[in-house]
Amino acid sequence: MAVNVGITWIGILLRLLAAGVLVFATYNPEGYSYFHWVRGNMEEALPLKAFAGVLLLIGWTIFIRATLRSLGAFGLLLAFAFFGTLIWLIVYYGLIPSHSVKTITYIIEVVLCGVLATGLFWSHIRRRITGQVDTDELDG
């Protein structure tokens, strides 16, 4: 029999933190990221860069697969549409400057973190709301 371990606020925050580490380690506008490290001098520390790239690829694969399985393609489209129009609304009404590429980049990366983290805990939320269990959660 499967043990029903629910999601807690700490669990949600840890998933959000893990998504943040993945997204901001891959790229951030400050210039301290895997993208900038590799772009700087490709030949220097090549094995370490390759290893770090594989680790990031594994992380992205885990997050993207979990998000797609949890939200589905249409749910993912809705999440990005929701956040995309929210960003548009914020920029349109001048709450953030539209000319600040750095600010827009940070907002987009935080949204990406939110969507990826949601993909990791959405099944728990759906189960609490509807009582429906995903088939991969059943004890076989």
N, C-alpha and C. Protein backbone atom coordinates (compact mmCIF):
# COMPACT_ATOMS: atom_id res chain seq x y z
N MET A 1 0.84 -1.18 0.00
CA MET A 1 0.00 0.00 0.00
C MET A 1 0.88 1.24 0.00
N ALA A 2 0.55 2.18 -0.84
CA ALA A 2 1.34 3.40 -0.96
C ALA A 2 1.07 4.32 0.22
N VAL A 3 2.11 4.97 0.70
CA VAL A 3 1.98 5.94 1.77
C VAL A 3 1.69 7.29 1.15
N ASN A 4 0.65 7.95 1.62
CA ASN A 4 0.25 9.24 1.07
C ASN A 4 1.00 10.35 1.81
N VAL A 5 2.11 10.76 1.25
CA VAL A 5 2.89 11.85 1.83
C VAL A 5 2.54 13.10 1.04
N GLY A 6 1.91 14.05 1.71
CA GLY A 6 1.48 15.27 1.04
C GLY A 6 2.64 16.24 0.84
N ILE A 7 2.32 17.30 0.19
CA ILE A 7 3.30 18.35 -0.07
C ILE A 7 3.17 19.41 1.02
N THR A 8 4.29 19.94 1.46
CA THR A 8 4.29 20.99 2.48
C THR A 8 4.84 22.26 1.87
N TRP A 9 4.69 23.36 2.59
CA TRP A 9 5.25 24.63 2.12
C TRP A 9 6.76 24.54 2.00
N ILE A 10 7.39 23.81 2.89
CA ILE A 10 8.84 23.63 2.80
C ILE A 10 9.18 22.84 1.54
N GLY A 11 8.38 21.83 1.23
CA GLY A 11 8.59 21.05 0.01
C GLY A 11 8.46 21.91 -1.23
N ILE A 12 7.47 22.79 -1.23
CA ILE A 12 7.29 23.70 -2.37
C ILE A 12 8.48 24.64 -2.49
N LEU A 13 8.91 25.21 -1.36
CA LEU A 13 10.05 26.14 -1.38
C LEU A 13 11.34 25.45 -1.82
N LEU A 14 11.54 24.21 -1.38
CA LEU A 14 12.74 23.47 -1.81
C LEU A 14 12.72 23.20 -3.31
N ARG A 15 11.55 22.87 -3.84
CA ARG A 15 11.44 22.66 -5.28
C ARG A 15 11.69 23.96 -6.04
N LEU A 16 11.17 25.07 -5.52
CA LEU A 16 11.40 26.37 -6.13
C LEU A 16 12.88 26.74 -6.06
N LEU A 17 13.52 26.46 -4.95
CA LEU A 17 14.95 26.73 -4.80
C LEU A 17 15.77 25.88 -5.78
N ALA A 18 15.43 24.60 -5.90
CA ALA A 18 16.14 23.73 -6.84
C ALA A 18 15.96 24.23 -8.28
N ALA A 19 14.75 24.65 -8.64
CA ALA A 19 14.52 25.20 -9.98
C ALA A 19 15.33 26.48 -10.16
N GLY A 20 15.39 27.31 -9.13
CA GLY A 20 16.16 28.55 -9.21
C GLY A 20 17.64 28.29 -9.42
N VAL A 21 18.18 27.33 -8.70
CA VAL A 21 19.59 26.98 -8.87
C VAL A 21 19.85 26.51 -10.31
N LEU A 22 18.96 25.66 -10.82
CA LEU A 22 19.12 25.16 -12.18
C LEU A 22 19.06 26.28 -13.21
N VAL A 23 18.04 27.11 -13.13
CA VAL A 23 17.84 28.17 -14.12
C VAL A 23 18.96 29.20 -14.05
N PHE A 24 19.26 29.70 -12.85
CA PHE A 24 20.26 30.76 -12.72
C PHE A 24 21.69 30.26 -12.87
N ALA A 25 21.93 28.97 -12.62
CA ALA A 25 23.26 28.42 -12.89
C ALA A 25 23.49 28.27 -14.39
N THR A 26 22.41 28.00 -15.12
CA THR A 26 22.52 27.87 -16.57
C THR A 26 22.77 29.22 -17.23
N TYR A 27 21.97 30.22 -16.85
CA TYR A 27 22.15 31.58 -17.40
C TYR A 27 21.58 32.59 -16.43
N ASN A 28 22.28 33.68 -16.25
CA ASN A 28 21.74 34.83 -15.52
C ASN A 28 22.38 36.08 -16.10
N PRO A 29 21.71 37.22 -15.97
CA PRO A 29 22.21 38.43 -16.60
C PRO A 29 23.44 39.05 -15.92
N GLU A 30 23.85 38.52 -14.78
CA GLU A 30 25.01 39.07 -14.09
C GLU A 30 26.33 38.59 -14.69
N GLY A 31 26.28 37.53 -15.48
CA GLY A 31 27.49 37.04 -16.13
C GLY A 31 28.18 35.92 -15.38
N TYR A 32 27.59 35.43 -14.30
CA TYR A 32 28.15 34.31 -13.54
C TYR A 32 27.27 33.10 -13.75
N SER A 33 27.44 32.43 -14.87
CA SER A 33 26.61 31.27 -15.20
C SER A 33 27.39 30.32 -16.08
N TYR A 34 26.82 29.15 -16.28
CA TYR A 34 27.44 28.16 -17.15
C TYR A 34 27.62 28.72 -18.56
N PHE A 35 26.62 29.41 -19.06
CA PHE A 35 26.68 30.01 -20.38
C PHE A 35 27.89 30.93 -20.51
N HIS A 36 28.08 31.80 -19.56
CA HIS A 36 29.19 32.75 -19.61
C HIS A 36 30.53 32.06 -19.40
N TRP A 37 30.54 31.05 -18.55
CA TRP A 37 31.77 30.31 -18.28
C TRP A 37 32.26 29.60 -19.54
N VAL A 38 31.35 28.95 -20.25
CA VAL A 38 31.72 28.23 -21.47
C VAL A 38 32.07 29.22 -22.59
N ARG A 39 31.32 30.28 -22.68
CA ARG A 39 31.54 31.26 -23.74
C ARG A 39 32.89 31.98 -23.59
N GLY A 40 33.35 32.13 -22.34
CA GLY A 40 34.57 32.86 -22.08
C GLY A 40 35.79 32.29 -22.80
N ASN A 41 36.15 31.07 -22.52
CA ASN A 41 37.29 30.41 -23.14
C ASN A 41 36.97 28.93 -23.20
N MET A 42 36.54 28.47 -24.33
CA MET A 42 36.05 27.11 -24.48
C MET A 42 37.11 26.06 -24.16
N GLU A 43 38.37 26.32 -24.49
CA GLU A 43 39.43 25.33 -24.32
C GLU A 43 39.85 25.14 -22.87
N GLU A 44 39.70 26.16 -22.05
CA GLU A 44 40.13 26.11 -20.66
C GLU A 44 39.18 25.23 -19.84
N ALA A 45 39.73 24.28 -19.09
CA ALA A 45 38.98 23.38 -18.21
C ALA A 45 37.84 22.67 -18.96
N LEU A 46 38.12 22.21 -20.16
CA LEU A 46 37.10 21.60 -21.00
C LEU A 46 36.42 20.39 -20.36
N PRO A 47 37.16 19.46 -19.73
CA PRO A 47 36.48 18.32 -19.11
C PRO A 47 35.51 18.75 -17.99
N LEU A 48 35.92 19.74 -17.21
CA LEU A 48 35.05 20.23 -16.14
C LEU A 48 33.82 20.91 -16.70
N LYS A 49 33.98 21.66 -17.77
CA LYS A 49 32.84 22.32 -18.42
C LYS A 49 31.89 21.28 -19.01
N ALA A 50 32.44 20.23 -19.60
CA ALA A 50 31.61 19.17 -20.16
C ALA A 50 30.83 18.46 -19.06
N PHE A 51 31.51 18.16 -17.95
CA PHE A 51 30.86 17.50 -16.82
C PHE A 51 29.74 18.37 -16.24
N ALA A 52 30.01 19.65 -16.04
CA ALA A 52 29.00 20.57 -15.52
C ALA A 52 27.82 20.68 -16.50
N GLY A 53 28.13 20.68 -17.79
CA GLY A 53 27.06 20.73 -18.80
C GLY A 53 26.17 19.51 -18.75
N VAL A 54 26.77 18.34 -18.56
CA VAL A 54 25.98 17.11 -18.45
C VAL A 54 25.11 17.15 -17.19
N LEU A 55 25.66 17.65 -16.07
CA LEU A 55 24.85 17.78 -14.85
C LEU A 55 23.67 18.71 -15.06
N LEU A 56 23.91 19.84 -15.71
CA LEU A 56 22.81 20.77 -15.99
C LEU A 56 21.78 20.13 -16.92
N LEU A 57 22.24 19.39 -17.92
CA LEU A 57 21.33 18.71 -18.85
C LEU A 57 20.47 17.68 -18.12
N ILE A 58 21.07 16.96 -17.18
CA ILE A 58 20.30 16.00 -16.38
C ILE A 58 19.24 16.74 -15.56
N GLY A 59 19.63 17.84 -14.94
CA GLY A 59 18.67 18.64 -14.17
C GLY A 59 17.52 19.15 -15.02
N TRP A 60 17.85 19.71 -16.19
CA TRP A 60 16.80 20.21 -17.09
C TRP A 60 15.89 19.08 -17.54
N THR A 61 16.45 17.92 -17.82
CA THR A 61 15.64 16.77 -18.25
C THR A 61 14.67 16.35 -17.17
N ILE A 62 15.14 16.27 -15.93
CA ILE A 62 14.28 15.89 -14.81
C ILE A 62 13.14 16.91 -14.66
N PHE A 63 13.48 18.18 -14.65
CA PHE A 63 12.47 19.21 -14.44
C PHE A 63 11.47 19.27 -15.60
N ILE A 64 11.97 19.23 -16.82
CA ILE A 64 11.07 19.35 -17.98
C ILE A 64 10.15 18.13 -18.09
N ARG A 65 10.70 16.93 -17.89
CA ARG A 65 9.87 15.72 -17.95
C ARG A 65 8.80 15.73 -16.86
N ALA A 66 9.20 16.10 -15.64
CA ALA A 66 8.23 16.15 -14.54
C ALA A 66 7.15 17.19 -14.81
N THR A 67 7.56 18.33 -15.35
CA THR A 67 6.59 19.40 -15.63
C THR A 67 5.64 18.98 -16.74
N LEU A 68 6.15 18.38 -17.78
CA LEU A 68 5.28 17.92 -18.87
C LEU A 68 4.32 16.82 -18.40
N ARG A 69 4.82 15.91 -17.57
CA ARG A 69 3.95 14.83 -17.08
C ARG A 69 2.90 15.36 -16.12
N SER A 70 3.27 16.35 -15.33
CA SER A 70 2.35 16.87 -14.32
C SER A 70 1.33 17.84 -14.92
N LEU A 71 1.81 18.79 -15.70
CA LEU A 71 0.92 19.81 -16.26
C LEU A 71 0.37 19.44 -17.62
N GLY A 72 1.09 18.63 -18.36
CA GLY A 72 0.71 18.32 -19.73
C GLY A 72 1.10 19.47 -20.65
N ALA A 73 1.07 19.22 -21.93
CA ALA A 73 1.46 20.25 -22.90
C ALA A 73 0.52 21.45 -22.85
N PHE A 74 -0.77 21.19 -22.73
CA PHE A 74 -1.74 22.29 -22.70
C PHE A 74 -1.61 23.09 -21.40
N GLY A 75 -1.40 22.39 -20.28
CA GLY A 75 -1.20 23.07 -19.00
C GLY A 75 0.05 23.93 -19.01
N LEU A 76 1.09 23.42 -19.64
CA LEU A 76 2.34 24.18 -19.76
C LEU A 76 2.12 25.41 -20.63
N LEU A 77 1.38 25.24 -21.70
CA LEU A 77 1.04 26.37 -22.56
C LEU A 77 0.24 27.42 -21.79
N LEU A 78 -0.72 26.97 -21.00
CA LEU A 78 -1.52 27.90 -20.18
C LEU A 78 -0.67 28.61 -19.14
N ALA A 79 0.25 27.89 -18.51
CA ALA A 79 1.12 28.51 -17.51
C ALA A 79 1.97 29.61 -18.13
N PHE A 80 2.59 29.31 -19.27
CA PHE A 80 3.41 30.33 -19.93
C PHE A 80 2.56 31.46 -20.49
N ALA A 81 1.36 31.16 -20.95
CA ALA A 81 0.46 32.22 -21.42
C ALA A 81 0.06 33.13 -20.26
N PHE A 82 -0.26 32.54 -19.12
CA PHE A 82 -0.62 33.31 -17.94
C PHE A 82 0.51 34.25 -17.53
N PHE A 83 1.71 33.68 -17.37
CA PHE A 83 2.83 34.49 -16.92
C PHE A 83 3.30 35.47 -17.99
N GLY A 84 3.22 35.06 -19.25
CA GLY A 84 3.60 35.96 -20.34
C GLY A 84 2.71 37.19 -20.40
N THR A 85 1.40 36.97 -20.27
CA THR A 85 0.49 38.11 -20.29
C THR A 85 0.60 38.94 -19.02
N LEU A 86 0.95 38.30 -17.90
CA LEU A 86 1.18 39.04 -16.66
C LEU A 86 2.39 39.98 -16.81
N ILE A 87 3.46 39.47 -17.40
CA ILE A 87 4.64 40.31 -17.65
C ILE A 87 4.28 41.44 -18.60
N TRP A 88 3.54 41.13 -19.63
CA TRP A 88 3.10 42.14 -20.59
C TRP A 88 2.30 43.23 -19.88
N LEU A 89 1.39 42.80 -19.01
CA LEU A 89 0.55 43.74 -18.26
C LEU A 89 1.41 44.64 -17.37
N ILE A 90 2.38 44.07 -16.69
CA ILE A 90 3.25 44.83 -15.79
C ILE A 90 4.08 45.85 -16.58
N VAL A 91 4.60 45.43 -17.72
CA VAL A 91 5.39 46.34 -18.56
C VAL A 91 4.48 47.40 -19.17
N TYR A 92 3.31 47.01 -19.63
CA TYR A 92 2.39 47.93 -20.29
C TYR A 92 1.99 49.09 -19.37
N TYR A 93 1.75 48.77 -18.09
CA TYR A 93 1.35 49.80 -17.15
C TYR A 93 2.53 50.46 -16.45
N GLY A 94 3.74 50.19 -16.89
CA GLY A 94 4.91 50.90 -16.42
C GLY A 94 5.38 50.52 -15.03
N LEU A 95 4.98 49.36 -14.53
CA LEU A 95 5.44 48.94 -13.21
C LEU A 95 6.90 48.52 -13.22
N ILE A 96 7.37 48.08 -14.38
CA ILE A 96 8.80 47.84 -14.58
C ILE A 96 9.19 48.49 -15.90
N PRO A 97 10.42 48.97 -15.99
CA PRO A 97 10.82 49.64 -17.22
C PRO A 97 11.02 48.63 -18.36
N SER A 98 10.41 48.91 -19.49
CA SER A 98 10.52 47.99 -20.63
C SER A 98 11.89 48.04 -21.28
N HIS A 99 12.65 49.09 -21.04
CA HIS A 99 13.97 49.21 -21.66
C HIS A 99 15.05 48.47 -20.87
N SER A 100 14.73 47.97 -19.69
CA SER A 100 15.70 47.27 -18.86
C SER A 100 15.72 45.78 -19.19
N VAL A 101 16.63 45.40 -20.04
CA VAL A 101 16.74 44.00 -20.45
C VAL A 101 17.07 43.12 -19.25
N LYS A 102 17.91 43.61 -18.36
CA LYS A 102 18.30 42.84 -17.18
C LYS A 102 17.07 42.55 -16.29
N THR A 103 16.23 43.54 -16.08
CA THR A 103 15.03 43.35 -15.25
C THR A 103 14.08 42.36 -15.91
N ILE A 104 13.85 42.51 -17.19
CA ILE A 104 12.96 41.59 -17.91
C ILE A 104 13.52 40.16 -17.87
N THR A 105 14.83 40.04 -18.03
CA THR A 105 15.47 38.72 -17.99
C THR A 105 15.26 38.07 -16.62
N TYR A 106 15.46 38.84 -15.56
CA TYR A 106 15.24 38.29 -14.22
C TYR A 106 13.79 37.85 -14.03
N ILE A 107 12.85 38.64 -14.48
CA ILE A 107 11.44 38.30 -14.33
C ILE A 107 11.12 37.02 -15.11
N ILE A 108 11.62 36.92 -16.32
CA ILE A 108 11.38 35.72 -17.13
C ILE A 108 11.99 34.50 -16.46
N GLU A 109 13.19 34.64 -15.89
CA GLU A 109 13.82 33.49 -15.24
C GLU A 109 13.09 33.09 -13.97
N VAL A 110 12.57 34.04 -13.22
CA VAL A 110 11.79 33.71 -12.03
C VAL A 110 10.50 33.00 -12.44
N VAL A 111 9.87 33.46 -13.51
CA VAL A 111 8.67 32.79 -14.02
C VAL A 111 9.00 31.36 -14.43
N LEU A 112 10.12 31.17 -15.12
CA LEU A 112 10.54 29.83 -15.53
C LEU A 112 10.75 28.95 -14.30
N CYS A 113 11.37 29.50 -13.26
CA CYS A 113 11.56 28.75 -12.01
C CYS A 113 10.21 28.34 -11.43
N GLY A 114 9.26 29.26 -11.45
CA GLY A 114 7.94 28.97 -10.92
C GLY A 114 7.22 27.88 -11.69
N VAL A 115 7.31 27.93 -12.99
CA VAL A 115 6.65 26.92 -13.82
C VAL A 115 7.31 25.56 -13.61
N LEU A 116 8.64 25.51 -13.58
CA LEU A 116 9.33 24.24 -13.38
C LEU A 116 9.05 23.67 -11.99
N ALA A 117 9.06 24.51 -10.97
CA ALA A 117 8.76 24.03 -9.62
C ALA A 117 7.32 23.55 -9.53
N THR A 118 6.40 24.24 -10.18
CA THR A 118 5.00 23.81 -10.19
C THR A 118 4.87 22.43 -10.81
N GLY A 119 5.65 22.17 -11.83
CA GLY A 119 5.63 20.85 -12.46
C GLY A 119 6.04 19.75 -11.50
N LEU A 120 6.88 20.08 -10.51
CA LEU A 120 7.31 19.06 -9.56
C LEU A 120 6.31 18.81 -8.44
N PHE A 121 5.41 19.76 -8.16
CA PHE A 121 4.47 19.52 -7.06
C PHE A 121 3.01 19.54 -7.49
N TRP A 122 2.72 19.78 -8.76
CA TRP A 122 1.32 19.91 -9.17
C TRP A 122 0.51 18.64 -8.96
N SER A 123 1.12 17.48 -9.13
CA SER A 123 0.38 16.22 -8.92
C SER A 123 -0.13 16.13 -7.49
N HIS A 124 0.67 16.59 -6.52
CA HIS A 124 0.24 16.57 -5.12
C HIS A 124 -0.95 17.51 -4.91
N ILE A 125 -0.90 18.69 -5.52
CA ILE A 125 -1.98 19.66 -5.38
C ILE A 125 -3.26 19.13 -6.03
N ARG A 126 -3.11 18.58 -7.24
CA ARG A 126 -4.28 18.03 -7.95
C ARG A 126 -4.92 16.91 -7.14
N ARG A 127 -4.10 16.08 -6.53
CA ARG A 127 -4.63 14.98 -5.71
C ARG A 127 -5.41 15.52 -4.52
N ARG A 128 -4.91 16.59 -3.90
CA ARG A 128 -5.62 17.18 -2.76
C ARG A 128 -6.93 17.83 -3.18
N ILE A 129 -6.93 18.49 -4.33
CA ILE A 129 -8.13 19.20 -4.79
C ILE A 129 -9.19 18.22 -5.27
N THR A 130 -8.78 17.25 -6.09
CA THR A 130 -9.75 16.38 -6.76
C THR A 130 -9.87 14.99 -6.17
N GLY A 131 -8.86 14.56 -5.42
CA GLY A 131 -8.84 13.20 -4.92
C GLY A 131 -8.36 12.19 -5.94
N GLN A 132 -8.03 12.65 -7.14
CA GLN A 132 -7.55 11.77 -8.21
C GLN A 132 -6.05 11.50 -8.03
N VAL A 133 -5.68 10.27 -8.26
CA VAL A 133 -4.29 9.86 -8.14
C VAL A 133 -3.74 9.60 -9.53
N ASP A 134 -2.52 10.09 -9.79
CA ASP A 134 -1.88 9.80 -11.07
C ASP A 134 -1.55 8.32 -11.13
N THR A 135 -1.59 7.73 -12.30
CA THR A 135 -1.34 6.30 -12.44
C THR A 135 0.08 5.91 -12.04
N ASP A 136 1.05 6.81 -12.17
CA ASP A 136 2.40 6.47 -11.78
C ASP A 136 2.59 6.54 -10.26
N GLU A 137 1.57 6.96 -9.52
CA GLU A 137 1.63 7.00 -8.06
C GLU A 137 1.07 5.74 -7.41
N LEU A 138 0.43 4.87 -8.19
CA LEU A 138 -0.18 3.67 -7.65
C LEU A 138 0.87 2.63 -7.31
N ASP A 139 0.63 1.92 -6.24
CA ASP A 139 1.54 0.85 -5.84
C ASP A 139 1.23 -0.39 -6.65
N GLY A 140 2.24 -0.96 -7.32
CA GLY A 140 1.97 -2.07 -8.22
C GLY A 140 2.47 -3.32 -7.79
